């Protein structure tokens, strides 16, 4: 599997998880294809932000610290 297909695979997994969480919270079906992503870096730590209309879900991604 090359890098691009691997990125698409994990992006789609994240979309499904975000869609399930939003569907549970909102009480309505949220299609995974309507969720967009943004990766930002705050305080030296990457964060993944999923957007759906006026809603956001933020996930702090763990990273290795250099000594």
C-alpha atoms as a PDB file:
ATOM      1  CA  UNK A   1       0.000   0.000   0.000  1.00  0.00           C
ATOM      2  CA  UNK A   2       1.474   3.340  -0.946  1.00  0.00           C
ATOM      3  CA  UNK A   3       1.346   6.524   1.127  1.00  0.00           C
ATOM      4  CA  UNK A   4      -1.683   8.062  -0.621  1.00  0.00           C
ATOM      5  CA  UNK A   5      -3.929   5.019  -0.259  1.00  0.00           C
ATOM      6  CA  UNK A   6      -2.871   4.626   3.359  1.00  0.00           C
ATOM      7  CA  UNK A   7      -3.784   8.283   4.086  1.00  0.00           C
ATOM      8  CA  UNK A   8      -7.185   7.838   2.413  1.00  0.00           C
ATOM      9  CA  UNK A   9      -7.833   4.683   4.435  1.00  0.00           C
ATOM     10  CA  UNK A  10      -7.207   6.412   7.776  1.00  0.00           C
ATOM     11  CA  UNK A  11      -9.035   9.583   6.727  1.00  0.00           C
ATOM     12  CA  UNK A  12     -12.146   7.525   5.958  1.00  0.00           C
ATOM     13  CA  UNK A  13     -11.873   5.704   9.305  1.00  0.00           C
ATOM     14  CA  UNK A  14     -11.719   9.051  11.125  1.00  0.00           C
ATOM     15  CA  UNK A  15     -14.720  10.260   9.126  1.00  0.00           C
ATOM     16  CA  UNK A  16     -16.782   7.245  10.162  1.00  0.00           C
ATOM     17  CA  UNK A  17     -15.880   7.696  13.837  1.00  0.00           C
ATOM     18  CA  UNK A  18     -16.702  11.428  13.728  1.00  0.00           C
ATOM     19  CA  UNK A  19     -19.990  10.714  11.924  1.00  0.00           C
ATOM     20  CA  UNK A  20     -21.005   8.141  14.547  1.00  0.00           C
ATOM     21  CA  UNK A  21     -20.180  10.552  17.393  1.00  0.00           C
ATOM     22  CA  UNK A  22     -22.107  13.426  15.774  1.00  0.00           C
ATOM     23  CA  UNK A  23     -25.072  11.179  14.939  1.00  0.00           C
ATOM     24  CA  UNK A  24     -25.265  10.060  18.551  1.00  0.00           C
ATOM     25  CA  UNK A  25     -24.980  13.632  19.862  1.00  0.00           C
ATOM     26  CA  UNK A  26     -27.397  15.259  17.409  1.00  0.00           C
ATOM     27  CA  UNK A  27     -29.889  12.406  17.221  1.00  0.00           C
ATOM     28  CA  UNK A  28     -29.872  12.533  13.413  1.00  0.00           C
ATOM     29  CA  UNK A  29     -27.916  10.653  10.771  1.00  0.00           C
ATOM     30  CA  UNK A  30     -24.723  12.436   9.745  1.00  0.00           C
ATOM     31  CA  UNK A  31     -23.167  11.165   6.503  1.00  0.00           C
ATOM     32  CA  UNK A  32     -19.383  10.683   6.741  1.00  0.00           C
ATOM     33  CA  UNK A  33     -18.899  12.314   3.345  1.00  0.00           C
ATOM     34  CA  UNK A  34     -20.061  15.684   4.765  1.00  0.00           C
ATOM     35  CA  UNK A  35     -17.295  15.900   7.364  1.00  0.00           C
ATOM     36  CA  UNK A  36     -14.194  17.892   6.444  1.00  0.00           C
ATOM     37  CA  UNK A  37     -10.883  17.885   8.279  1.00  0.00           C
ATOM     38  CA  UNK A  38      -8.254  20.376   9.298  1.00  0.00           C
ATOM     39  CA  UNK A  39      -4.959  19.616  11.029  1.00  0.00           C
ATOM     40  CA  UNK A  40      -3.453  22.388  13.137  1.00  0.00           C
ATOM     41  CA  UNK A  41      -0.582  22.582  15.581  1.00  0.00           C
ATOM     42  CA  UNK A  42      -1.168  24.216  18.964  1.00  0.00           C
ATOM     43  CA  UNK A  43       1.518  24.377  21.627  1.00  0.00           C
ATOM     44  CA  UNK A  44       3.674  21.982  19.627  1.00  0.00           C
ATOM     45  CA  UNK A  45       0.974  19.280  19.525  1.00  0.00           C
ATOM     46  CA  UNK A  46      -1.014  18.376  16.404  1.00  0.00           C
ATOM     47  CA  UNK A  47      -4.822  18.523  16.614  1.00  0.00           C
ATOM     48  CA  UNK A  48      -7.354  17.100  14.184  1.00  0.00           C
ATOM     49  CA  UNK A  49     -10.528  19.144  13.782  1.00  0.00           C
ATOM     50  CA  UNK A  50     -13.588  17.711  12.067  1.00  0.00           C
ATOM     51  CA  UNK A  51     -16.158  20.195  10.709  1.00  0.00           C
ATOM     52  CA  UNK A  52     -19.824  19.513   9.991  1.00  0.00           C
ATOM     53  CA  UNK A  53     -22.022  22.582   9.394  1.00  0.00           C
ATOM     54  CA  UNK A  54     -21.768  24.585  12.666  1.00  0.00           C
ATOM     55  CA  UNK A  55     -20.301  21.725  14.697  1.00  0.00           C
ATOM     56  CA  UNK A  56     -16.691  20.874  15.444  1.00  0.00           C
ATOM     57  CA  UNK A  57     -14.969  17.921  17.016  1.00  0.00           C
ATOM     58  CA  UNK A  58     -11.373  18.341  18.152  1.00  0.00           C
ATOM     59  CA  UNK A  59      -8.993  15.454  18.734  1.00  0.00           C
ATOM     60  CA  UNK A  60      -5.568  15.895  20.263  1.00  0.00           C
ATOM     61  CA  UNK A  61      -3.129  13.541  18.542  1.00  0.00           C
ATOM     62  CA  UNK A  62      -0.451  12.060  20.787  1.00  0.00           C
ATOM     63  CA  UNK A  63       3.094  12.479  19.639  1.00  0.00           C
ATOM     64  CA  UNK A  64       6.507  11.429  20.760  1.00  0.00           C
ATOM     65  CA  UNK A  65       8.521  13.982  22.682  1.00  0.00           C
ATOM     66  CA  UNK A  66      12.164  14.427  21.849  1.00  0.00           C
ATOM     67  CA  UNK A  67      14.647  14.349  24.708  1.00  0.00           C
END
